[in-house]
Amino acid sequence: MDIDHAWDLHPQVSVRPEPFGALLYHFGTRRLSFVKDRRLLAVLRALPHAPTVRAACSEAGVGATELPRFTAALSALAGSSMVVERAAP
């Protein structure tokens, strides 16, 4: 995942906030993912209006030392088609 590109939640993904973080459900693949970090949920919520993943992480309060961990989590979500790279306008 290139964090200097724009990414979004897949249009068929529903996010349900939970006390532990969130549940993501992909209606196309019928996959369910658990987000166990509320800041990762904040990053996911910031993606649609952030110019890059890096900007979304910054907006959610993710520091530079934590960025690799969040990038790995987002890469896993990309691998299951929960997040997709935003198409160029």
Protein backbone atom coordinates (compact mmCIF):
# COMPACT_ATOMS: atom_id res chain seq x y z
CA MET A 1 0.00 0.00 0.00
CA ASP A 2 1.35 3.37 -1.00
CA ILE A 3 0.38 5.68 1.85
CA ASP A 4 1.07 8.70 -0.34
CA HIS A 5 -1.90 7.80 -2.55
CA ALA A 6 -5.60 8.26 -1.84
CA TRP A 7 -7.60 5.24 -0.68
CA ASP A 8 -11.26 4.76 0.24
CA LEU A 9 -13.48 2.17 1.80
CA HIS A 10 -14.83 -0.12 -0.89
CA PRO A 11 -18.35 1.10 -1.86
CA GLN A 12 -19.81 -2.24 -0.74
CA VAL A 13 -18.30 -2.05 2.75
CA SER A 14 -20.40 -1.15 5.75
CA VAL A 15 -18.79 0.09 8.97
CA ARG A 16 -20.44 -0.55 12.32
CA PRO A 17 -18.72 1.18 15.24
CA GLU A 18 -18.37 -0.96 18.36
CA PRO A 19 -16.92 -0.30 21.83
CA PHE A 20 -13.75 -2.21 20.83
CA GLY A 21 -13.38 -0.47 17.46
CA ALA A 22 -15.59 -1.54 14.55
CA LEU A 23 -16.93 -4.31 12.37
CA LEU A 24 -16.45 -4.03 8.62
CA TYR A 25 -18.72 -6.06 6.39
CA HIS A 26 -18.18 -6.39 2.65
CA PHE A 27 -21.51 -7.12 0.95
CA GLY A 28 -19.81 -8.28 -2.25
CA THR A 29 -17.43 -10.82 -0.76
CA ARG A 30 -19.45 -11.43 2.43
CA ARG A 31 -16.28 -11.00 4.48
CA LEU A 32 -16.26 -9.61 7.99
CA SER A 33 -13.28 -7.81 9.50
CA PHE A 34 -12.74 -6.64 13.04
CA VAL A 35 -11.02 -3.32 13.68
CA LYS A 36 -9.69 -3.45 17.23
CA ASP A 37 -8.18 0.03 17.39
CA ARG A 38 -10.38 3.11 17.58
CA ARG A 39 -7.71 5.20 15.89
CA LEU A 40 -7.73 2.82 12.92
CA LEU A 41 -11.48 3.44 12.77
CA ALA A 42 -10.72 7.18 12.79
CA VAL A 43 -8.29 6.65 9.88
CA LEU A 44 -10.96 4.73 7.94
CA ARG A 45 -13.44 7.54 8.54
CA ALA A 46 -10.89 10.12 7.37
CA LEU A 47 -10.00 8.30 4.12
CA PRO A 48 -12.87 9.65 1.95
CA HIS A 49 -11.85 13.29 2.34
CA ALA A 50 -8.09 12.91 2.90
CA PRO A 51 -5.78 13.41 -0.08
CA THR A 52 -3.57 10.48 1.04
CA VAL A 53 -3.50 7.67 3.57
CA ARG A 54 -0.66 9.51 5.31
CA ALA A 55 -2.90 12.57 5.71
CA ALA A 56 -5.76 10.42 7.05
CA CYS A 57 -3.41 8.88 9.60
CA SER A 58 -2.15 12.29 10.65
CA GLU A 59 -5.73 13.55 11.02
CA ALA A 60 -6.48 10.55 13.27
CA GLY A 61 -3.48 11.32 15.49
CA VAL A 62 -1.23 8.52 14.27
CA GLY A 63 2.41 9.48 14.87
CA ALA A 64 5.36 8.72 12.62
CA THR A 65 6.56 5.88 14.86
CA GLU A 66 3.14 4.20 14.65
CA LEU A 67 2.73 4.66 10.91
CA PRO A 68 4.24 1.27 9.94
CA ARG A 69 1.77 -0.58 12.18
CA PHE A 70 -1.20 1.31 10.75
CA THR A 71 0.11 0.84 7.21
CA ALA A 72 0.30 -2.92 7.82
CA ALA A 73 -3.28 -2.97 9.15
CA LEU A 74 -4.54 -0.97 6.17
CA SER A 75 -2.59 -3.22 3.79
CA ALA A 76 -4.36 -6.23 5.29
CA LEU A 77 -7.70 -4.49 4.76
CA ALA A 78 -6.68 -3.74 1.16
CA GLY A 79 -5.83 -7.41 0.70
CA SER A 80 -9.39 -8.34 1.62
CA SER A 81 -10.86 -5.55 -0.58
CA MET A 82 -12.19 -3.58 2.39
CA VAL A 83 -10.24 -0.53 1.22
CA VAL A 84 -9.38 0.28 -2.39
CA GLU A 85 -7.14 2.80 -4.05
CA ARG A 86 -9.11 5.85 -5.11
CA ALA A 87 -9.41 6.23 -8.88
CA ALA A 88 -7.82 9.33 -10.39
CA PRO A 89 -10.39 12.03 -11.17
